[in-house]
Amino acid sequence: RSVVDQAESRQPLRRTYTEIGEPIPLHQGA
């Protein structure tokens, strides 16, 4: 899979995807 876009949280502590476009194995993550 690949992350192609995000709507980033406005919280100071938040998840930010930095690997846009990179392949990620399907067994890793929801």
mmCIF file of all heavy atoms, coordinates in Angstrom:
data_MODEL
# 
_entry.id   MODEL 
# 
loop_
_atom_site.group_PDB 
_atom_site.id 
_atom_site.type_symbol 
_atom_site.label_atom_id 
_atom_site.label_alt_id 
_atom_site.label_comp_id 
_atom_site.label_asym_id 
_atom_site.label_entity_id 
_atom_site.label_seq_id 
_atom_site.pdbx_PDB_ins_code 
_atom_site.Cartn_x 
_atom_site.Cartn_y 
_atom_site.Cartn_z 
_atom_site.occupancy 
_atom_site.B_iso_or_equiv 
_atom_site.pdbx_formal_charge 
_atom_site.auth_seq_id 
_atom_site.auth_comp_id 
_atom_site.auth_asym_id 
_atom_site.auth_atom_id 
_atom_site.pdbx_PDB_model_num 
ATOM 1   N N   . ARG A 1 1  ? 0.844  -1.202 0.000  1.00 0.00 ? 1  ARG A N   1 
ATOM 2   C CA  . ARG A 1 1  ? 0.000  0.000  0.000  1.00 0.00 ? 1  ARG A CA  1 
ATOM 3   C C   . ARG A 1 1  ? 0.870  1.239  0.000  1.00 0.00 ? 1  ARG A C   1 
ATOM 4   O O   . ARG A 1 1  ? 2.072  1.179  0.299  1.00 0.00 ? 1  ARG A O   1 
ATOM 5   C CB  . ARG A 1 1  ? -0.928 0.026  1.215  1.00 0.00 ? 1  ARG A CB  1 
ATOM 6   C CG  . ARG A 1 1  ? -0.208 0.221  2.556  1.00 0.00 ? 1  ARG A CG  1 
ATOM 7   C CD  . ARG A 1 1  ? -1.205 0.371  3.685  1.00 0.00 ? 1  ARG A CD  1 
ATOM 8   N NE  . ARG A 1 1  ? -0.586 0.266  4.998  1.00 0.00 ? 1  ARG A NE  1 
ATOM 9   C CZ  . ARG A 1 1  ? -0.273 1.307  5.778  1.00 0.00 ? 1  ARG A CZ  1 
ATOM 10  N NH1 . ARG A 1 1  ? -0.500 2.547  5.346  1.00 0.00 ? 1  ARG A NH1 1 
ATOM 11  N NH2 . ARG A 1 1  ? 0.259  1.116  6.968  1.00 0.00 ? 1  ARG A NH2 1 
ATOM 12  N N   . SER A 1 2  ? 0.243  2.357  -0.311 1.00 0.00 ? 2  SER A N   1 
ATOM 13  C CA  . SER A 1 2  ? 0.960  3.620  -0.316 1.00 0.00 ? 2  SER A CA  1 
ATOM 14  C C   . SER A 1 2  ? 0.047  4.715  0.213  1.00 0.00 ? 2  SER A C   1 
ATOM 15  O O   . SER A 1 2  ? -1.144 4.757  -0.107 1.00 0.00 ? 2  SER A O   1 
ATOM 16  C CB  . SER A 1 2  ? 1.419  3.968  -1.734 1.00 0.00 ? 2  SER A CB  1 
ATOM 17  O OG  . SER A 1 2  ? 2.049  5.234  -1.776 1.00 0.00 ? 2  SER A OG  1 
ATOM 18  N N   . VAL A 1 3  ? 0.592  5.605  1.053  1.00 0.00 ? 3  VAL A N   1 
ATOM 19  C CA  . VAL A 1 3  ? -0.143 6.788  1.501  1.00 0.00 ? 3  VAL A CA  1 
ATOM 20  C C   . VAL A 1 3  ? -0.101 7.814  0.375  1.00 0.00 ? 3  VAL A C   1 
ATOM 21  O O   . VAL A 1 3  ? 0.977  8.178  -0.097 1.00 0.00 ? 3  VAL A O   1 
ATOM 22  C CB  . VAL A 1 3  ? 0.488  7.393  2.772  1.00 0.00 ? 3  VAL A CB  1 
ATOM 23  C CG1 . VAL A 1 3  ? -0.368 8.532  3.301  1.00 0.00 ? 3  VAL A CG1 1 
ATOM 24  C CG2 . VAL A 1 3  ? 0.696  6.344  3.834  1.00 0.00 ? 3  VAL A CG2 1 
ATOM 25  N N   . VAL A 1 4  ? -1.266 8.285  -0.078 1.00 0.00 ? 4  VAL A N   1 
ATOM 26  C CA  . VAL A 1 4  ? -1.290 9.238  -1.192 1.00 0.00 ? 4  VAL A CA  1 
ATOM 27  C C   . VAL A 1 4  ? -1.736 10.625 -0.769 1.00 0.00 ? 4  VAL A C   1 
ATOM 28  O O   . VAL A 1 4  ? -1.539 11.588 -1.511 1.00 0.00 ? 4  VAL A O   1 
ATOM 29  C CB  . VAL A 1 4  ? -2.179 8.732  -2.355 1.00 0.00 ? 4  VAL A CB  1 
ATOM 30  C CG1 . VAL A 1 4  ? -1.588 7.473  -2.967 1.00 0.00 ? 4  VAL A CG1 1 
ATOM 31  C CG2 . VAL A 1 4  ? -3.608 8.497  -1.908 1.00 0.00 ? 4  VAL A CG2 1 
ATOM 32  N N   . ASP A 1 5  ? -2.336 10.764 0.423  1.00 0.00 ? 5  ASP A N   1 
ATOM 33  C CA  . ASP A 1 5  ? -2.736 12.097 0.889  1.00 0.00 ? 5  ASP A CA  1 
ATOM 34  C C   . ASP A 1 5  ? -3.090 12.019 2.363  1.00 0.00 ? 5  ASP A C   1 
ATOM 35  O O   . ASP A 1 5  ? -3.287 10.924 2.920  1.00 0.00 ? 5  ASP A O   1 
ATOM 36  C CB  . ASP A 1 5  ? -3.917 12.627 0.088  1.00 0.00 ? 5  ASP A CB  1 
ATOM 37  C CG  . ASP A 1 5  ? -3.889 14.158 -0.034 1.00 0.00 ? 5  ASP A CG  1 
ATOM 38  O OD1 . ASP A 1 5  ? -3.176 14.801 0.767  1.00 0.00 ? 5  ASP A OD1 1 
ATOM 39  O OD2 . ASP A 1 5  ? -4.584 14.701 -0.913 1.00 0.00 ? 5  ASP A OD2 1 
ATOM 40  N N   . GLN A 1 6  ? -3.176 13.187 2.995  1.00 0.00 ? 6  GLN A N   1 
ATOM 41  C CA  . GLN A 1 6  ? -3.560 13.245 4.395  1.00 0.00 ? 6  GLN A CA  1 
ATOM 42  C C   . GLN A 1 6  ? -4.236 14.584 4.695  1.00 0.00 ? 6  GLN A C   1 
ATOM 43  O O   . GLN A 1 6  ? -3.980 15.589 4.025  1.00 0.00 ? 6  GLN A O   1 
ATOM 44  C CB  . GLN A 1 6  ? -2.357 13.047 5.314  1.00 0.00 ? 6  GLN A CB  1 
ATOM 45  C CG  . GLN A 1 6  ? -1.297 14.141 5.216  1.00 0.00 ? 6  GLN A CG  1 
ATOM 46  C CD  . GLN A 1 6  ? -0.114 13.888 6.127  1.00 0.00 ? 6  GLN A CD  1 
ATOM 47  O OE1 . GLN A 1 6  ? -0.247 13.380 7.239  1.00 0.00 ? 6  GLN A OE1 1 
ATOM 48  N NE2 . GLN A 1 6  ? 1.075  14.224 5.647  1.00 0.00 ? 6  GLN A NE2 1 
ATOM 49  N N   . ALA A 1 7  ? -5.113 14.570 5.676  1.00 0.00 ? 7  ALA A N   1 
ATOM 50  C CA  . ALA A 1 7  ? -5.662 15.792 6.266  1.00 0.00 ? 7  ALA A CA  1 
ATOM 51  C C   . ALA A 1 7  ? -5.139 15.808 7.688  1.00 0.00 ? 7  ALA A C   1 
ATOM 52  O O   . ALA A 1 7  ? -5.611 15.056 8.550  1.00 0.00 ? 7  ALA A O   1 
ATOM 53  C CB  . ALA A 1 7  ? -7.188 15.787 6.225  1.00 0.00 ? 7  ALA A CB  1 
ATOM 54  N N   . GLU A 1 8  ? -4.140 16.621 7.937  1.00 0.00 ? 8  GLU A N   1 
ATOM 55  C CA  . GLU A 1 8  ? -3.369 16.534 9.172  1.00 0.00 ? 8  GLU A CA  1 
ATOM 56  C C   . GLU A 1 8  ? -4.093 17.187 10.340 1.00 0.00 ? 8  GLU A C   1 
ATOM 57  O O   . GLU A 1 8  ? -4.698 18.259 10.201 1.00 0.00 ? 8  GLU A O   1 
ATOM 58  C CB  . GLU A 1 8  ? -2.010 17.195 8.962  1.00 0.00 ? 8  GLU A CB  1 
ATOM 59  C CG  . GLU A 1 8  ? -0.962 16.813 9.978  1.00 0.00 ? 8  GLU A CG  1 
ATOM 60  C CD  . GLU A 1 8  ? 0.411  17.327 9.601  1.00 0.00 ? 8  GLU A CD  1 
ATOM 61  O OE1 . GLU A 1 8  ? 0.602  17.712 8.432  1.00 0.00 ? 8  GLU A OE1 1 
ATOM 62  O OE2 . GLU A 1 8  ? 1.289  17.336 10.480 1.00 0.00 ? 8  GLU A OE2 1 
ATOM 63  N N   . SER A 1 9  ? -4.019 16.546 11.492 1.00 0.00 ? 9  SER A N   1 
ATOM 64  C CA  . SER A 1 9  ? -4.585 17.088 12.720 1.00 0.00 ? 9  SER A CA  1 
ATOM 65  C C   . SER A 1 9  ? -3.947 18.441 13.041 1.00 0.00 ? 9  SER A C   1 
ATOM 66  O O   . SER A 1 9  ? -2.798 18.711 12.695 1.00 0.00 ? 9  SER A O   1 
ATOM 67  C CB  . SER A 1 9  ? -4.343 16.118 13.876 1.00 0.00 ? 9  SER A CB  1 
ATOM 68  O OG  . SER A 1 9  ? -4.665 16.716 15.113 1.00 0.00 ? 9  SER A OG  1 
ATOM 69  N N   . ARG A 1 10 ? -4.707 19.269 13.738 1.00 0.00 ? 10 ARG A N   1 
ATOM 70  C CA  . ARG A 1 10 ? -4.184 20.569 14.176 1.00 0.00 ? 10 ARG A CA  1 
ATOM 71  C C   . ARG A 1 10 ? -3.633 20.505 15.596 1.00 0.00 ? 10 ARG A C   1 
ATOM 72  O O   . ARG A 1 10 ? -3.191 21.521 16.142 1.00 0.00 ? 10 ARG A O   1 
ATOM 73  C CB  . ARG A 1 10 ? -5.281 21.629 14.085 1.00 0.00 ? 10 ARG A CB  1 
ATOM 74  C CG  . ARG A 1 10 ? -5.803 21.842 12.661 1.00 0.00 ? 10 ARG A CG  1 
ATOM 75  C CD  . ARG A 1 10 ? -6.815 22.991 12.620 1.00 0.00 ? 10 ARG A CD  1 
ATOM 76  N NE  . ARG A 1 10 ? -7.299 23.213 11.263 1.00 0.00 ? 10 ARG A NE  1 
ATOM 77  C CZ  . ARG A 1 10 ? -8.407 22.674 10.766 1.00 0.00 ? 10 ARG A CZ  1 
ATOM 78  N NH1 . ARG A 1 10 ? -9.126 21.860 11.529 1.00 0.00 ? 10 ARG A NH1 1 
ATOM 79  N NH2 . ARG A 1 10 ? -8.793 22.927 9.532  1.00 0.00 ? 10 ARG A NH2 1 
ATOM 80  N N   . GLN A 1 11 ? -3.677 19.315 16.201 1.00 0.00 ? 11 GLN A N   1 
ATOM 81  C CA  . GLN A 1 11 ? -3.136 19.139 17.551 1.00 0.00 ? 11 GLN A CA  1 
ATOM 82  C C   . GLN A 1 11 ? -1.615 19.314 17.549 1.00 0.00 ? 11 GLN A C   1 
ATOM 83  O O   . GLN A 1 11 ? -0.941 18.918 16.587 1.00 0.00 ? 11 GLN A O   1 
ATOM 84  C CB  . GLN A 1 11 ? -3.477 17.746 18.070 1.00 0.00 ? 11 GLN A CB  1 
ATOM 85  C CG  . GLN A 1 11 ? -4.961 17.480 18.261 1.00 0.00 ? 11 GLN A CG  1 
ATOM 86  C CD  . GLN A 1 11 ? -5.424 17.860 19.645 1.00 0.00 ? 11 GLN A CD  1 
ATOM 87  O OE1 . GLN A 1 11 ? -4.711 18.542 20.398 1.00 0.00 ? 11 GLN A OE1 1 
ATOM 88  N NE2 . GLN A 1 11 ? -6.623 17.434 20.013 1.00 0.00 ? 11 GLN A NE2 1 
ATOM 89  N N   . PRO A 1 12 ? -1.038 19.898 18.613 1.00 0.00 ? 12 PRO A N   1 
ATOM 90  C CA  . PRO A 1 12 ? 0.426  20.011 18.680 1.00 0.00 ? 12 PRO A CA  1 
ATOM 91  C C   . PRO A 1 12 ? 1.121  18.646 18.610 1.00 0.00 ? 12 PRO A C   1 
ATOM 92  O O   . PRO A 1 12 ? 2.159  18.493 17.965 1.00 0.00 ? 12 PRO A O   1 
ATOM 93  C CB  . PRO A 1 12 ? 0.676  20.697 20.030 1.00 0.00 ? 12 PRO A CB  1 
ATOM 94  C CG  . PRO A 1 12 ? -0.605 21.400 20.342 1.00 0.00 ? 12 PRO A CG  1 
ATOM 95  C CD  . PRO A 1 12 ? -1.690 20.537 19.766 1.00 0.00 ? 12 PRO A CD  1 
ATOM 96  N N   . LEU A 1 13 ? 0.540  17.651 19.295 1.00 0.00 ? 13 LEU A N   1 
ATOM 97  C CA  . LEU A 1 13 ? 1.043  16.276 19.244 1.00 0.00 ? 13 LEU A CA  1 
ATOM 98  C C   . LEU A 1 13 ? 0.131  15.500 18.302 1.00 0.00 ? 13 LEU A C   1 
ATOM 99  O O   . LEU A 1 13 ? -1.039 15.271 18.601 1.00 0.00 ? 13 LEU A O   1 
ATOM 100 C CB  . LEU A 1 13 ? 1.037  15.645 20.639 1.00 0.00 ? 13 LEU A CB  1 
ATOM 101 C CG  . LEU A 1 13 ? 1.503  14.187 20.727 1.00 0.00 ? 13 LEU A CG  1 
ATOM 102 C CD1 . LEU A 1 13 ? 2.958  14.066 20.319 1.00 0.00 ? 13 LEU A CD1 1 
ATOM 103 C CD2 . LEU A 1 13 ? 1.282  13.648 22.139 1.00 0.00 ? 13 LEU A CD2 1 
ATOM 104 N N   . ARG A 1 14 ? 0.663  15.084 17.143 1.00 0.00 ? 14 ARG A N   1 
ATOM 105 C CA  . ARG A 1 14 ? -0.194 14.480 16.124 1.00 0.00 ? 14 ARG A CA  1 
ATOM 106 C C   . ARG A 1 14 ? 0.594  13.530 15.256 1.00 0.00 ? 14 ARG A C   1 
ATOM 107 O O   . ARG A 1 14 ? 1.819  13.544 15.226 1.00 0.00 ? 14 ARG A O   1 
ATOM 108 C CB  . ARG A 1 14 ? -0.809 15.562 15.238 1.00 0.00 ? 14 ARG A CB  1 
ATOM 109 C CG  . ARG A 1 14 ? 0.219  16.417 14.473 1.00 0.00 ? 14 ARG A CG  1 
ATOM 110 C CD  . ARG A 1 14 ? -0.469 17.514 13.684 1.00 0.00 ? 14 ARG A CD  1 
ATOM 111 N NE  . ARG A 1 14 ? 0.480  18.338 12.926 1.00 0.00 ? 14 ARG A NE  1 
ATOM 112 C CZ  . ARG A 1 14 ? 1.008  19.468 13.385 1.00 0.00 ? 14 ARG A CZ  1 
ATOM 113 N NH1 . ARG A 1 14 ? 0.679  19.904 14.606 1.00 0.00 ? 14 ARG A NH1 1 
ATOM 114 N NH2 . ARG A 1 14 ? 1.851  20.158 12.643 1.00 0.00 ? 14 ARG A NH2 1 
ATOM 115 N N   . ARG A 1 15 ? -0.145 12.693 14.533 1.00 0.00 ? 15 ARG A N   1 
ATOM 116 C CA  . ARG A 1 15 ? 0.423  11.793 13.526 1.00 0.00 ? 15 ARG A CA  1 
ATOM 117 C C   . ARG A 1 15 ? 0.610  12.567 12.239 1.00 0.00 ? 15 ARG A C   1 
ATOM 118 O O   . ARG A 1 15 ? -0.296 13.248 11.775 1.00 0.00 ? 15 ARG A O   1 
ATOM 119 C CB  . ARG A 1 15 ? -0.532 10.616 13.292 1.00 0.00 ? 15 ARG A CB  1 
ATOM 120 C CG  . ARG A 1 15 ? -0.163 9.718  12.107 1.00 0.00 ? 15 ARG A CG  1 
ATOM 121 C CD  . ARG A 1 15 ? 1.077  8.925  12.427 1.00 0.00 ? 15 ARG A CD  1 
ATOM 122 N NE  . ARG A 1 15 ? 1.245  7.773  11.565 1.00 0.00 ? 15 ARG A NE  1 
ATOM 123 C CZ  . ARG A 1 15 ? 2.246  7.639  10.689 1.00 0.00 ? 15 ARG A CZ  1 
ATOM 124 N NH1 . ARG A 1 15 ? 3.140  8.602  10.541 1.00 0.00 ? 15 ARG A NH1 1 
ATOM 125 N NH2 . ARG A 1 15 ? 2.369  6.539  9.984  1.00 0.00 ? 15 ARG A NH2 1 
ATOM 126 N N   . THR A 1 16 ? 1.800  12.466 11.654 1.00 0.00 ? 16 THR A N   1 
ATOM 127 C CA  . THR A 1 16 ? 2.075  13.087 10.367 1.00 0.00 ? 16 THR A CA  1 
ATOM 128 C C   . THR A 1 16 ? 2.717  12.048 9.457  1.00 0.00 ? 16 THR A C   1 
ATOM 129 O O   . THR A 1 16 ? 3.730  11.446 9.823  1.00 0.00 ? 16 THR A O   1 
ATOM 130 C CB  . THR A 1 16 ? 3.020  14.293 10.505 1.00 0.00 ? 16 THR A CB  1 
ATOM 131 O OG1 . THR A 1 16 ? 2.403  15.285 11.329 1.00 0.00 ? 16 THR A OG1 1 
ATOM 132 C CG2 . THR A 1 16 ? 3.326  14.902 9.144  1.00 0.00 ? 16 THR A CG2 1 
ATOM 133 N N   . TYR A 1 17 ? 2.121  11.828 8.290  1.00 0.00 ? 17 TYR A N   1 
ATOM 134 C CA  . TYR A 1 17 ? 2.703  10.880 7.333  1.00 0.00 ? 17 TYR A CA  1 
ATOM 135 C C   . TYR A 1 17 ? 3.827  11.562 6.568  1.00 0.00 ? 17 TYR A C   1 
ATOM 136 O O   . TYR A 1 17 ? 3.626  12.594 5.932  1.00 0.00 ? 17 TYR A O   1 
ATOM 137 C CB  . TYR A 1 17 ? 1.632  10.386 6.358  1.00 0.00 ? 17 TYR A CB  1 
ATOM 138 C CG  . TYR A 1 17 ? 0.628  9.448  6.971  1.00 0.00 ? 17 TYR A CG  1 
ATOM 139 C CD1 . TYR A 1 17 ? -0.646 9.890  7.313  1.00 0.00 ? 17 TYR A CD1 1 
ATOM 140 C CD2 . TYR A 1 17 ? 0.954  8.120  7.229  1.00 0.00 ? 17 TYR A CD2 1 
ATOM 141 C CE1 . TYR A 1 17 ? -1.571 9.024  7.890  1.00 0.00 ? 17 TYR A CE1 1 
ATOM 142 C CE2 . TYR A 1 17 ? 0.038  7.253  7.807  1.00 0.00 ? 17 TYR A CE2 1 
ATOM 143 C CZ  . TYR A 1 17 ? -1.222 7.715  8.131  1.00 0.00 ? 17 TYR A CZ  1 
ATOM 144 O OH  . TYR A 1 17 ? -2.135 6.858  8.702  1.00 0.00 ? 17 TYR A OH  1 
ATOM 145 N N   . THR A 1 18 ? 5.013  10.972 6.629  1.00 0.00 ? 18 THR A N   1 
ATOM 146 C CA  . THR A 1 18 ? 6.177  11.522 5.936  1.00 0.00 ? 18 THR A CA  1 
ATOM 147 C C   . THR A 1 18 ? 6.609  10.657 4.758  1.00 0.00 ? 18 THR A C   1 
ATOM 148 O O   . THR A 1 18 ? 7.513  11.047 4.022  1.00 0.00 ? 18 THR A O   1 
ATOM 149 C CB  . THR A 1 18 ? 7.363  11.652 6.915  1.00 0.00 ? 18 THR A CB  1 
ATOM 150 O OG1 . THR A 1 18 ? 7.671  10.359 7.459  1.00 0.00 ? 18 THR A OG1 1 
ATOM 151 C CG2 . THR A 1 18 ? 7.018  12.599 8.051  1.00 0.00 ? 18 THR A CG2 1 
ATOM 152 N N   . GLU A 1 19 ? 5.950  9.479  4.571  1.00 0.00 ? 19 GLU A N   1 
ATOM 153 C CA  . GLU A 1 19 ? 6.383  8.535  3.547  1.00 0.00 ? 19 GLU A CA  1 
ATOM 154 C C   . GLU A 1 19 ? 5.390  8.495  2.386  1.00 0.00 ? 19 GLU A C   1 
ATOM 155 O O   . GLU A 1 19 ? 5.080  7.438  1.848  1.00 0.00 ? 19 GLU A O   1 
ATOM 156 C CB  . GLU A 1 19 ? 6.590  7.144  4.140  1.00 0.00 ? 19 GLU A CB  1 
ATOM 157 C CG  . GLU A 1 19 ? 5.317  6.468  4.698  1.00 0.00 ? 19 GLU A CG  1 
ATOM 158 C CD  . GLU A 1 19 ? 4.963  6.891  6.097  1.00 0.00 ? 19 GLU A CD  1 
ATOM 159 O OE1 . GLU A 1 19 ? 4.488  8.032  6.235  1.00 0.00 ? 19 GLU A OE1 1 
ATOM 160 O OE2 . GLU A 1 19 ? 5.136  6.095  7.026  1.00 0.00 ? 19 GLU A OE2 1 
ATOM 161 N N   . ILE A 1 20 ? 4.881  9.665  1.991  1.00 0.00 ? 20 ILE A N   1 
ATOM 162 C CA  . ILE A 1 20 ? 3.912  9.727  0.898  1.00 0.00 ? 20 ILE A CA  1 
ATOM 163 C C   . ILE A 1 20 ? 4.497  9.066  -0.352 1.00 0.00 ? 20 ILE A C   1 
ATOM 164 O O   . ILE A 1 20 ? 5.597  9.396  -0.786 1.00 0.00 ? 20 ILE A O   1 
ATOM 165 C CB  . ILE A 1 20 ? 3.527  11.179 0.581  1.00 0.00 ? 20 ILE A CB  1 
ATOM 166 C CG1 . ILE A 1 20 ? 2.962  11.882 1.821  1.00 0.00 ? 20 ILE A CG1 1 
ATOM 167 C CG2 . ILE A 1 20 ? 2.531  11.235 -0.573 1.00 0.00 ? 20 ILE A CG2 1 
ATOM 168 C CD1 . ILE A 1 20 ? 1.644  11.352 2.306  1.00 0.00 ? 20 ILE A CD1 1 
ATOM 169 N N   . GLY A 1 21 ? 3.742  8.125  -0.925 1.00 0.00 ? 21 GLY A N   1 
ATOM 170 C CA  . GLY A 1 21 ? 4.168  7.479  -2.161 1.00 0.00 ? 21 GLY A CA  1 
ATOM 171 C C   . GLY A 1 21 ? 5.040  6.259  -2.003 1.00 0.00 ? 21 GLY A C   1 
ATOM 172 O O   . GLY A 1 21 ? 5.285  5.549  -2.972 1.00 0.00 ? 21 GLY A O   1 
ATOM 173 N N   . GLU A 1 22 ? 5.512  5.974  -0.789 1.00 0.00 ? 22 GLU A N   1 
ATOM 174 C CA  . GLU A 1 22 ? 6.401  4.828  -0.593 1.00 0.00 ? 22 GLU A CA  1 
ATOM 175 C C   . GLU A 1 22 ? 5.584  3.553  -0.346 1.00 0.00 ? 22 GLU A C   1 
ATOM 176 O O   . GLU A 1 22 ? 4.543  3.593  0.308  1.00 0.00 ? 22 GLU A O   1 
ATOM 177 C CB  . GLU A 1 22 ? 7.333  5.074  0.593  1.00 0.00 ? 22 GLU A CB  1 
ATOM 178 C CG  . GLU A 1 22 ? 8.289  6.231  0.386  1.00 0.00 ? 22 GLU A CG  1 
ATOM 179 C CD  . GLU A 1 22 ? 9.215  6.429  1.565  1.00 0.00 ? 22 GLU A CD  1 
ATOM 180 O OE1 . GLU A 1 22 ? 9.223  5.560  2.469  1.00 0.00 ? 22 GLU A OE1 1 
ATOM 181 O OE2 . GLU A 1 22 ? 9.928  7.445  1.601  1.00 0.00 ? 22 GLU A OE2 1 
ATOM 182 N N   . PRO A 1 23 ? 6.043  2.402  -0.846 1.00 0.00 ? 23 PRO A N   1 
ATOM 183 C CA  . PRO A 1 23 ? 5.318  1.143  -0.602 1.00 0.00 ? 23 PRO A CA  1 
ATOM 184 C C   . PRO A 1 23 ? 5.465  0.688  0.841  1.00 0.00 ? 23 PRO A C   1 
ATOM 185 O O   . PRO A 1 23 ? 6.551  0.756  1.420  1.00 0.00 ? 23 PRO A O   1 
ATOM 186 C CB  . PRO A 1 23 ? 5.992  0.165  -1.574 1.00 0.00 ? 23 PRO A CB  1 
ATOM 187 C CG  . PRO A 1 23 ? 7.356  0.731  -1.807 1.00 0.00 ? 23 PRO A CG  1 
ATOM 188 C CD  . PRO A 1 23 ? 7.221  2.218  -1.713 1.00 0.00 ? 23 PRO A CD  1 
ATOM 189 N N   . ILE A 1 24 ? 4.362  0.222  1.428  1.00 0.00 ? 24 ILE A N   1 
ATOM 190 C CA  . ILE A 1 24 ? 4.334  -0.248 2.811  1.00 0.00 ? 24 ILE A CA  1 
ATOM 191 C C   . ILE A 1 24 ? 3.702  -1.634 2.823  1.00 0.00 ? 24 ILE A C   1 
ATOM 192 O O   . ILE A 1 24 ? 2.641  -1.836 2.212  1.00 0.00 ? 24 ILE A O   1 
ATOM 193 C CB  . ILE A 1 24 ? 3.509  0.705  3.698  1.00 0.00 ? 24 ILE A CB  1 
ATOM 194 C CG1 . ILE A 1 24 ? 4.085  2.130  3.642  1.00 0.00 ? 24 ILE A CG1 1 
ATOM 195 C CG2 . ILE A 1 24 ? 3.466  0.200  5.143  1.00 0.00 ? 24 ILE A CG2 1 
ATOM 196 C CD1 . ILE A 1 24 ? 3.182  3.168  4.273  1.00 0.00 ? 24 ILE A CD1 1 
ATOM 197 N N   . PRO A 1 25 ? 4.296  -2.617 3.491  1.00 0.00 ? 25 PRO A N   1 
ATOM 198 C CA  . PRO A 1 25 ? 3.699  -3.961 3.537  1.00 0.00 ? 25 PRO A CA  1 
ATOM 199 C C   . PRO A 1 25 ? 2.299  -3.935 4.139  1.00 0.00 ? 25 PRO A C   1 
ATOM 200 O O   . PRO A 1 25 ? 2.011  -3.155 5.048  1.00 0.00 ? 25 PRO A O   1 
ATOM 201 C CB  . PRO A 1 25 ? 4.673  -4.743 4.422  1.00 0.00 ? 25 PRO A CB  1 
ATOM 202 C CG  . PRO A 1 25 ? 5.973  -3.998 4.334  1.00 0.00 ? 25 PRO A CG  1 
ATOM 203 C CD  . PRO A 1 25 ? 5.596  -2.558 4.191  1.00 0.00 ? 25 PRO A CD  1 
ATOM 204 N N   . LEU A 1 26 ? 1.422  -4.808 3.648  1.00 0.00 ? 26 LEU A N   1 
ATOM 205 C CA  . LEU A 1 26 ? 0.029  -4.796 4.072  1.00 0.00 ? 26 LEU A CA  1 
ATOM 206 C C   . LEU A 1 26 ? -0.161 -5.253 5.518  1.00 0.00 ? 26 LEU A C   1 
ATOM 207 O O   . LEU A 1 26 ? -1.160 -4.904 6.145  1.00 0.00 ? 26 LEU A O   1 
ATOM 208 C CB  . LEU A 1 26 ? -0.808 -5.678 3.145  1.00 0.00 ? 26 LEU A CB  1 
ATOM 209 C CG  . LEU A 1 26 ? -0.947 -5.196 1.698  1.00 0.00 ? 26 LEU A CG  1 
ATOM 210 C CD1 . LEU A 1 26 ? -1.901 -6.115 0.931  1.00 0.00 ? 26 LEU A CD1 1 
ATOM 211 C CD2 . LEU A 1 26 ? -1.424 -3.751 1.628  1.00 0.00 ? 26 LEU A CD2 1 
ATOM 212 N N   . HIS A 1 27 ? 0.773  -6.035 6.053  1.00 0.00 ? 27 HIS A N   1 
ATOM 213 C CA  . HIS A 1 27 ? 0.575  -6.538 7.415  1.00 0.00 ? 27 HIS A CA  1 
ATOM 214 C C   . HIS A 1 27 ? 0.911  -5.508 8.482  1.00 0.00 ? 27 HIS A C   1 
ATOM 215 O O   . HIS A 1 27 ? 0.661  -5.738 9.662  1.00 0.00 ? 27 HIS A O   1 
ATOM 216 C CB  . HIS A 1 27 ? 1.418  -7.800 7.639  1.00 0.00 ? 27 HIS A CB  1 
ATOM 217 C CG  . HIS A 1 27 ? 2.885  -7.529 7.731  1.00 0.00 ? 27 HIS A CG  1 
ATOM 218 N ND1 . HIS A 1 27 ? 3.668  -7.220 6.641  1.00 0.00 ? 27 HIS A ND1 1 
ATOM 219 C CD2 . HIS A 1 27 ? 3.725  -7.526 8.805  1.00 0.00 ? 27 HIS A CD2 1 
ATOM 220 C CE1 . HIS A 1 27 ? 4.926  -7.039 7.026  1.00 0.00 ? 27 HIS A CE1 1 
ATOM 221 N NE2 . HIS A 1 27 ? 4.981  -7.222 8.335  1.00 0.00 ? 27 HIS A NE2 1 
ATOM 222 N N   . GLN A 1 28 ? 1.466  -4.366 8.073  1.00 0.00 ? 28 GLN A N   1 
ATOM 223 C CA  . GLN A 1 28 ? 1.884  -3.346 9.025  1.00 0.00 ? 28 GLN A CA  1 
ATOM 224 C C   . GLN A 1 28 ? 0.841  -2.228 9.100  1.00 0.00 ? 28 GLN A C   1 
ATOM 225 O O   . GLN A 1 28 ? 0.746  -1.393 8.210  1.00 0.00 ? 28 GLN A O   1 
ATOM 226 C CB  . GLN A 1 28 ? 3.242  -2.764 8.631  1.00 0.00 ? 28 GLN A CB  1 
ATOM 227 C CG  . GLN A 1 28 ? 4.382  -3.759 8.691  1.00 0.00 ? 28 GLN A CG  1 
ATOM 228 C CD  . GLN A 1 28 ? 5.714  -3.149 8.301  1.00 0.00 ? 28 GLN A CD  1 
ATOM 229 O OE1 . GLN A 1 28 ? 5.822  -1.950 8.058  1.00 0.00 ? 28 GLN A OE1 1 
ATOM 230 N NE2 . GLN A 1 28 ? 6.750  -3.973 8.230  1.00 0.00 ? 28 GLN A NE2 1 
ATOM 231 N N   . GLY A 1 29 ? 0.053  -2.208 10.170 1.00 0.00 ? 29 GLY A N   1 
ATOM 232 C CA  . GLY A 1 29 ? -0.881 -1.120 10.396 1.00 0.00 ? 29 GLY A CA  1 
ATOM 233 C C   . GLY A 1 29 ? -2.294 -1.397 9.931  1.00 0.00 ? 29 GLY A C   1 
ATOM 234 O O   . GLY A 1 29 ? -2.548 -2.277 9.097  1.00 0.00 ? 29 GLY A O   1 
ATOM 235 N N   . ALA A 1 30 ? -3.237 -0.611 10.461 1.00 0.00 ? 30 ALA A N   1 
ATOM 236 C CA  . ALA A 1 30 ? -4.654 -0.800 10.178 1.00 0.00 ? 30 ALA A CA  1 
ATOM 237 C C   . ALA A 1 30 ? -5.009 -0.618 8.703  1.00 0.00 ? 30 ALA A C   1 
ATOM 238 O O   . ALA A 1 30 ? -5.791 -1.405 8.158  1.00 0.00 ? 30 ALA A O   1 
ATOM 239 C CB  . ALA A 1 30 ? -5.489 0.148  11.048 1.00 0.00 ? 30 ALA A CB  1 
# 
